[in-house]
Amino acid sequence: MNNMTKILILFCAISSLLYSQTFQLGLRSESTWYNTTNGTESVAFTHAFVTAGFYEENVPLIHNLTEEIRFGRTFDPNDMVGNDLVLAFKSRIIKTPISGSWFYITLGLNMHSNIGDNGAEWAVYVKRIYMLIFGVGFIMDKYVFVEVSTYFPVSNATLGDYVYNYINGNFVSKQWKLNSLIAINFGLTLDIFHF
């Protein structure tokens, strides 16, 4: 675990002790498109997450803050398969005339453990990719939300491996660089208890 991850976890732990809050659990599904050095992939893949967090109404300077941890998995027929751990902060910024509905922004860090292959069953690699998340969303009736997010890699985001060329008898690079992700999120968050 690097220093940035430790600092974020420490911040969440300390802030969770300072203000009255509501513990929340939820589910989130993302339809995601990625942009690479090979161009934008037109077929969406799916992220599925279980979320847990603390919602705080009276944090100074940032009212209606949620500190959220997401555990999930990506499902892609190509190279973006693996587990995700996300540390995110959501802040409600504009209340709408509809009861319990808000527009909000999200900032976070996604730690993706990519599990890829090179086209052969015997060659698998695991690579950690760190991505910053920026999102804008709309929460309806306090529980159901829709969000549009972008992910930007901040670490080495080269995916793929080498493929054996049976005609020439050597390995050929099948690598590409992940530039960004765009995701449309749908989800549900429930208040579990307040303290």
C-alpha atoms as a PDB file:
ATOM      1  CA  MET A   1       0.000   0.000   0.000  1.00  0.00           C
ATOM      2  CA  ASN A   2       1.554   3.292  -1.033  1.00  0.00           C
ATOM      3  CA  ASN A   3       1.613   6.532   1.006  1.00  0.00           C
ATOM      4  CA  MET A   4      -1.242   8.154  -0.940  1.00  0.00           C
ATOM      5  CA  THR A   5      -3.558   5.245  -0.112  1.00  0.00           C
ATOM      6  CA  LYS A   6      -2.579   5.339   3.565  1.00  0.00           C
ATOM      7  CA  ILE A   7      -3.248   9.091   3.774  1.00  0.00           C
ATOM      8  CA  LEU A   8      -6.710   8.726   2.199  1.00  0.00           C
ATOM      9  CA  ILE A   9      -7.664   5.888   4.552  1.00  0.00           C
ATOM     10  CA  LEU A  10      -6.393   7.876   7.569  1.00  0.00           C
ATOM     11  CA  PHE A  11      -8.377  10.947   6.462  1.00  0.00           C
ATOM     12  CA  CYS A  12     -11.569   8.882   6.141  1.00  0.00           C
ATOM     13  CA  ALA A  13     -11.025   7.289   9.556  1.00  0.00           C
ATOM     14  CA  ILE A  14     -10.360  10.601  11.351  1.00  0.00           C
ATOM     15  CA  SER A  15     -13.172  12.532   9.682  1.00  0.00           C
ATOM     16  CA  SER A  16     -15.612   9.734  10.471  1.00  0.00           C
ATOM     17  CA  LEU A  17     -15.050  10.394  14.183  1.00  0.00           C
ATOM     18  CA  LEU A  18     -15.529  14.185  14.098  1.00  0.00           C
ATOM     19  CA  TYR A  19     -19.133  14.763  12.977  1.00  0.00           C
ATOM     20  CA  SER A  20     -22.485  13.060  13.297  1.00  0.00           C
ATOM     21  CA  GLN A  21     -23.046  10.841  10.318  1.00  0.00           C
ATOM     22  CA  THR A  22     -25.037   8.128   8.627  1.00  0.00           C
ATOM     23  CA  PHE A  23     -23.487   4.816   7.623  1.00  0.00           C
ATOM     24  CA  GLN A  24     -24.558   3.809   4.086  1.00  0.00           C
ATOM     25  CA  LEU A  25     -24.367   0.656   1.971  1.00  0.00           C
ATOM     26  CA  GLY A  26     -25.079   0.438  -1.726  1.00  0.00           C
ATOM     27  CA  LEU A  27     -24.641  -1.115  -5.146  1.00  0.00           C
ATOM     28  CA  ARG A  28     -23.293   0.553  -8.278  1.00  0.00           C
ATOM     29  CA  SER A  29     -23.072  -0.567 -11.888  1.00  0.00           C
ATOM     30  CA  GLU A  30     -21.088   1.275 -14.565  1.00  0.00           C
ATOM     31  CA  SER A  31     -21.221   1.028 -18.325  1.00  0.00           C
ATOM     32  CA  THR A  32     -17.716   2.079 -19.316  1.00  0.00           C
ATOM     33  CA  TRP A  33     -15.887   3.016 -22.514  1.00  0.00           C
ATOM     34  CA  TYR A  34     -12.131   3.387 -22.665  1.00  0.00           C
ATOM     35  CA  ASN A  35      -9.840   5.515 -24.799  1.00  0.00           C
ATOM     36  CA  THR A  36      -6.472   4.001 -25.680  1.00  0.00           C
ATOM     37  CA  THR A  37      -3.551   4.552 -28.013  1.00  0.00           C
ATOM     38  CA  ASN A  38      -5.478   2.248 -30.383  1.00  0.00           C
ATOM     39  CA  GLY A  39      -8.547   4.538 -30.287  1.00  0.00           C
ATOM     40  CA  THR A  40     -11.796   4.560 -28.319  1.00  0.00           C
ATOM     41  CA  GLU A  41     -13.341   1.153 -27.727  1.00  0.00           C
ATOM     42  CA  SER A  42     -16.932   1.273 -28.925  1.00  0.00           C
ATOM     43  CA  VAL A  43     -18.200  -1.678 -26.883  1.00  0.00           C
ATOM     44  CA  ALA A  44     -18.982  -0.925 -23.258  1.00  0.00           C
ATOM     45  CA  PHE A  45     -17.736  -3.114 -20.470  1.00  0.00           C
ATOM     46  CA  THR A  46     -19.154  -3.277 -16.978  1.00  0.00           C
ATOM     47  CA  HIS A  47     -17.933  -2.327 -13.524  1.00  0.00           C
ATOM     48  CA  ALA A  48     -19.954  -3.736 -10.626  1.00  0.00           C
ATOM     49  CA  PHE A  49     -19.376  -2.361  -7.109  1.00  0.00           C
ATOM     50  CA  VAL A  50     -20.504  -2.827  -3.546  1.00  0.00           C
ATOM     51  CA  THR A  51     -20.173   0.489  -1.696  1.00  0.00           C
ATOM     52  CA  ALA A  52     -19.911   1.516   1.943  1.00  0.00           C
ATOM     53  CA  GLY A  53     -19.548   5.007   3.300  1.00  0.00           C
ATOM     54  CA  PHE A  54     -20.298   7.718   5.798  1.00  0.00           C
ATOM     55  CA  TYR A  55     -22.608  10.604   4.928  1.00  0.00           C
ATOM     56  CA  GLU A  56     -22.032  13.796   6.945  1.00  0.00           C
ATOM     57  CA  GLU A  57     -24.240  16.877   6.746  1.00  0.00           C
ATOM     58  CA  ASN A  58     -22.295  19.433   8.801  1.00  0.00           C
ATOM     59  CA  VAL A  59     -18.655  19.235   7.715  1.00  0.00           C
ATOM     60  CA  PRO A  60     -17.217  22.802   7.665  1.00  0.00           C
ATOM     61  CA  LEU A  61     -16.829  24.346   4.195  1.00  0.00           C
ATOM     62  CA  ILE A  62     -18.148  21.178   2.493  1.00  0.00           C
ATOM     63  CA  HIS A  63     -21.698  20.394   3.544  1.00  0.00           C
ATOM     64  CA  ASN A  64     -23.294  17.060   2.674  1.00  0.00           C
ATOM     65  CA  LEU A  65     -20.059  15.094   2.258  1.00  0.00           C
ATOM     66  CA  THR A  66     -19.919  11.334   1.708  1.00  0.00           C
ATOM     67  CA  GLU A  67     -16.692   9.379   2.188  1.00  0.00           C
ATOM     68  CA  GLU A  68     -17.108   6.165   0.246  1.00  0.00           C
ATOM     69  CA  ILE A  69     -15.173   2.942  -0.268  1.00  0.00           C
ATOM     70  CA  ARG A  70     -16.103   0.822  -3.286  1.00  0.00           C
ATOM     71  CA  PHE A  71     -15.124  -2.793  -3.889  1.00  0.00           C
ATOM     72  CA  GLY A  72     -15.751  -4.081  -7.374  1.00  0.00           C
ATOM     73  CA  ARG A  73     -14.798  -5.930 -10.482  1.00  0.00           C
ATOM     74  CA  THR A  74     -14.535  -5.058 -14.157  1.00  0.00           C
ATOM     75  CA  PHE A  75     -15.882  -7.418 -16.781  1.00  0.00           C
ATOM     76  CA  ASP A  76     -14.437  -6.833 -20.251  1.00  0.00           C
ATOM     77  CA  PRO A  77     -14.019  -9.362 -23.080  1.00  0.00           C
ATOM     78  CA  ASN A  78     -10.625  -7.831 -23.880  1.00  0.00           C
ATOM     79  CA  ASP A  79      -7.865  -6.578 -21.544  1.00  0.00           C
ATOM     80  CA  MET A  80      -9.633  -4.561 -18.800  1.00  0.00           C
ATOM     81  CA  VAL A  81     -10.511  -7.381 -16.392  1.00  0.00           C
ATOM     82  CA  GLY A  82      -9.750  -7.217 -12.701  1.00  0.00           C
ATOM     83  CA  ASN A  83     -10.630  -6.016  -9.228  1.00  0.00           C
ATOM     84  CA  ASP A  84     -11.130  -2.415  -8.142  1.00  0.00           C
ATOM     85  CA  LEU A  85     -10.789  -0.596  -4.825  1.00  0.00           C
ATOM     86  CA  VAL A  86     -12.028   3.002  -4.908  1.00  0.00           C
ATOM     87  CA  LEU A  87     -11.732   5.718  -2.266  1.00  0.00           C
ATOM     88  CA  ALA A  88     -14.143   8.512  -3.201  1.00  0.00           C
ATOM     89  CA  PHE A  89     -15.551  11.761  -1.807  1.00  0.00           C
ATOM     90  CA  LYS A  90     -18.990  12.955  -2.919  1.00  0.00           C
ATOM     91  CA  SER A  91     -20.329  16.412  -2.147  1.00  0.00           C
ATOM     92  CA  ARG A  92     -23.909  17.487  -2.799  1.00  0.00           C
ATOM     93  CA  ILE A  93     -23.753  20.950  -4.356  1.00  0.00           C
ATOM     94  CA  ILE A  94     -27.197  21.935  -5.715  1.00  0.00           C
ATOM     95  CA  LYS A  95     -30.519  21.022  -4.116  1.00  0.00           C
ATOM     96  CA  THR A  96     -33.390  20.621  -6.591  1.00  0.00           C
ATOM     97  CA  PRO A  97     -37.089  21.421  -6.077  1.00  0.00           C
ATOM     98  CA  ILE A  98     -37.778  17.667  -6.015  1.00  0.00           C
ATOM     99  CA  SER A  99     -37.804  16.413  -2.429  1.00  0.00           C
ATOM    100  CA  GLY A 100     -34.546  14.669  -1.467  1.00  0.00           C
ATOM    101  CA  SER A 101     -32.882  15.257  -4.852  1.00  0.00           C
ATOM    102  CA  TRP A 102     -29.457  16.823  -5.377  1.00  0.00           C
ATOM    103  CA  PHE A 103     -26.744  17.342  -7.964  1.00  0.00           C
ATOM    104  CA  TYR A 104     -23.352  16.256  -6.632  1.00  0.00           C
ATOM    105  CA  ILE A 105     -19.688  15.985  -7.614  1.00  0.00           C
ATOM    106  CA  THR A 106     -17.325  13.064  -7.011  1.00  0.00           C
ATOM    107  CA  LEU A 107     -13.525  12.984  -6.608  1.00  0.00           C
ATOM    108  CA  GLY A 108     -11.663   9.765  -5.952  1.00  0.00           C
ATOM    109  CA  LEU A 109      -8.826   7.333  -6.514  1.00  0.00           C
ATOM    110  CA  ASN A 110      -9.368   3.966  -8.198  1.00  0.00           C
ATOM    111  CA  MET A 111      -6.819   1.202  -7.613  1.00  0.00           C
ATOM    112  CA  HIS A 112      -7.405  -1.315 -10.408  1.00  0.00           C
ATOM    113  CA  SER A 113      -5.639  -4.693 -10.298  1.00  0.00           C
ATOM    114  CA  ASN A 114      -5.720  -5.619 -13.967  1.00  0.00           C
ATOM    115  CA  ILE A 115      -5.656  -9.310 -14.847  1.00  0.00           C
ATOM    116  CA  GLY A 116      -4.965  -9.714 -18.537  1.00  0.00           C
ATOM    117  CA  ASP A 117      -3.792 -12.370 -20.924  1.00  0.00           C
ATOM    118  CA  ASN A 118      -1.830 -12.367 -24.122  1.00  0.00           C
ATOM    119  CA  GLY A 119      -4.177 -14.583 -26.085  1.00  0.00           C
ATOM    120  CA  ALA A 120      -2.788 -17.841 -24.707  1.00  0.00           C
ATOM    121  CA  GLU A 121      -4.002 -19.695 -21.639  1.00  0.00           C
ATOM    122  CA  TRP A 122      -0.506 -20.087 -20.211  1.00  0.00           C
ATOM    123  CA  ALA A 123       0.409 -16.384 -20.129  1.00  0.00           C
ATOM    124  CA  VAL A 124      -1.395 -14.173 -17.622  1.00  0.00           C
ATOM    125  CA  TYR A 125      -0.215 -10.938 -16.015  1.00  0.00           C
ATOM    126  CA  VAL A 126      -1.367  -8.818 -13.079  1.00  0.00           C
ATOM    127  CA  LYS A 127      -0.795  -5.071 -13.101  1.00  0.00           C
ATOM    128  CA  ARG A 128      -1.866  -2.306 -10.667  1.00  0.00           C
ATOM    129  CA  ILE A 129      -3.220   0.862 -12.310  1.00  0.00           C
ATOM    130  CA  TYR A 130      -4.068   3.980 -10.283  1.00  0.00           C
ATOM    131  CA  MET A 131      -6.692   6.322 -11.745  1.00  0.00           C
ATOM    132  CA  LEU A 132      -8.155   9.638 -10.565  1.00  0.00           C
ATOM    133  CA  ILE A 133     -11.954   9.872 -10.785  1.00  0.00           C
ATOM    134  CA  PHE A 134     -14.005  12.997 -11.496  1.00  0.00           C
ATOM    135  CA  GLY A 135     -17.778  12.745 -11.708  1.00  0.00           C
ATOM    136  CA  VAL A 136     -21.049  14.671 -11.759  1.00  0.00           C
ATOM    137  CA  GLY A 137     -24.254  13.019 -10.629  1.00  0.00           C
ATOM    138  CA  PHE A 138     -27.888  13.363  -9.695  1.00  0.00           C
ATOM    139  CA  ILE A 139     -29.333  11.600  -6.658  1.00  0.00           C
ATOM    140  CA  MET A 140     -33.109  11.064  -6.625  1.00  0.00           C
ATOM    141  CA  ASP A 141     -35.212  10.644  -3.505  1.00  0.00           C
ATOM    142  CA  LYS A 142     -32.013  10.273  -1.383  1.00  0.00           C
ATOM    143  CA  TYR A 143     -31.291   6.722  -2.599  1.00  0.00           C
ATOM    144  CA  VAL A 144     -31.152   6.216  -6.387  1.00  0.00           C
ATOM    145  CA  PHE A 145     -28.467   7.971  -8.430  1.00  0.00           C
ATOM    146  CA  VAL A 146     -27.136   8.461 -11.954  1.00  0.00           C
ATOM    147  CA  GLU A 147     -23.565   9.684 -12.463  1.00  0.00           C
ATOM    148  CA  VAL A 148     -21.190  10.381 -15.345  1.00  0.00           C
ATOM    149  CA  SER A 149     -17.532   9.820 -14.402  1.00  0.00           C
ATOM    150  CA  THR A 150     -14.146  10.063 -16.066  1.00  0.00           C
ATOM    151  CA  TYR A 151     -11.069   8.122 -14.970  1.00  0.00           C
ATOM    152  CA  PHE A 152      -7.542   9.362 -15.709  1.00  0.00           C
ATOM    153  CA  PRO A 153      -4.532   7.053 -15.126  1.00  0.00           C
ATOM    154  CA  VAL A 154      -1.820   8.486 -12.880  1.00  0.00           C
ATOM    155  CA  SER A 155       0.432   5.436 -13.049  1.00  0.00           C
ATOM    156  CA  ASN A 156       1.867   3.317 -15.851  1.00  0.00           C
ATOM    157  CA  ALA A 157      -1.255   2.259 -17.758  1.00  0.00           C
ATOM    158  CA  THR A 158       0.239  -0.026 -20.398  1.00  0.00           C
ATOM    159  CA  LEU A 159      -1.966  -3.075 -20.838  1.00  0.00           C
ATOM    160  CA  GLY A 160      -1.595  -6.250 -22.818  1.00  0.00           C
ATOM    161  CA  ASP A 161       1.449  -8.452 -23.222  1.00  0.00           C
ATOM    162  CA  TYR A 162       3.332 -10.321 -25.914  1.00  0.00           C
ATOM    163  CA  VAL A 163       1.615 -12.779 -28.256  1.00  0.00           C
ATOM    164  CA  TYR A 164       3.401 -15.740 -29.790  1.00  0.00           C
ATOM    165  CA  ASN A 165       3.392 -15.523 -33.590  1.00  0.00           C
ATOM    166  CA  TYR A 166       3.240 -19.125 -34.799  1.00  0.00           C
ATOM    167  CA  ILE A 167       4.127 -18.182 -38.388  1.00  0.00           C
ATOM    168  CA  ASN A 168       7.376 -16.373 -37.529  1.00  0.00           C
ATOM    169  CA  GLY A 169       8.088 -18.332 -34.338  1.00  0.00           C
ATOM    170  CA  ASN A 170       8.590 -15.277 -32.110  1.00  0.00           C
ATOM    171  CA  PHE A 171       6.716 -13.042 -29.687  1.00  0.00           C
ATOM    172  CA  VAL A 172       4.990  -9.897 -30.977  1.00  0.00           C
ATOM    173  CA  SER A 173       3.987  -7.010 -28.709  1.00  0.00           C
ATOM    174  CA  LYS A 174       0.255  -6.684 -28.147  1.00  0.00           C
ATOM    175  CA  GLN A 175       0.440  -3.707 -25.804  1.00  0.00           C
ATOM    176  CA  TRP A 176      -1.549  -0.476 -25.662  1.00  0.00           C
ATOM    177  CA  LYS A 177      -1.773   2.493 -23.342  1.00  0.00           C
ATOM    178  CA  LEU A 178      -4.936   3.389 -21.455  1.00  0.00           C
ATOM    179  CA  ASN A 179      -5.598   7.137 -21.826  1.00  0.00           C
ATOM    180  CA  SER A 180      -8.931   7.523 -20.021  1.00  0.00           C
ATOM    181  CA  LEU A 181     -12.262   5.907 -19.156  1.00  0.00           C
ATOM    182  CA  ILE A 182     -15.760   7.360 -19.333  1.00  0.00           C
ATOM    183  CA  ALA A 183     -18.491   5.715 -17.272  1.00  0.00           C
ATOM    184  CA  ILE A 184     -22.246   6.062 -16.870  1.00  0.00           C
ATOM    185  CA  ASN A 185     -23.168   4.906 -13.363  1.00  0.00           C
ATOM    186  CA  PHE A 186     -26.469   3.709 -11.954  1.00  0.00           C
ATOM    187  CA  GLY A 187     -26.871   2.769  -8.330  1.00  0.00           C
ATOM    188  CA  LEU A 188     -28.669   2.559  -5.052  1.00  0.00           C
ATOM    189  CA  THR A 189     -27.483   3.765  -1.631  1.00  0.00           C
ATOM    190  CA  LEU A 190     -29.343   2.965   1.591  1.00  0.00           C
ATOM    191  CA  ASP A 191     -28.980   4.553   5.042  1.00  0.00           C
ATOM    192  CA  ILE A 192     -28.186   1.755   7.497  1.00  0.00           C
ATOM    193  CA  PHE A 193     -27.824   3.632  10.810  1.00  0.00           C
ATOM    194  CA  HIS A 194     -27.173   7.132  12.108  1.00  0.00           C
ATOM    195  CA  PHE A 195     -24.734   8.043  14.895  1.00  0.00           C
END
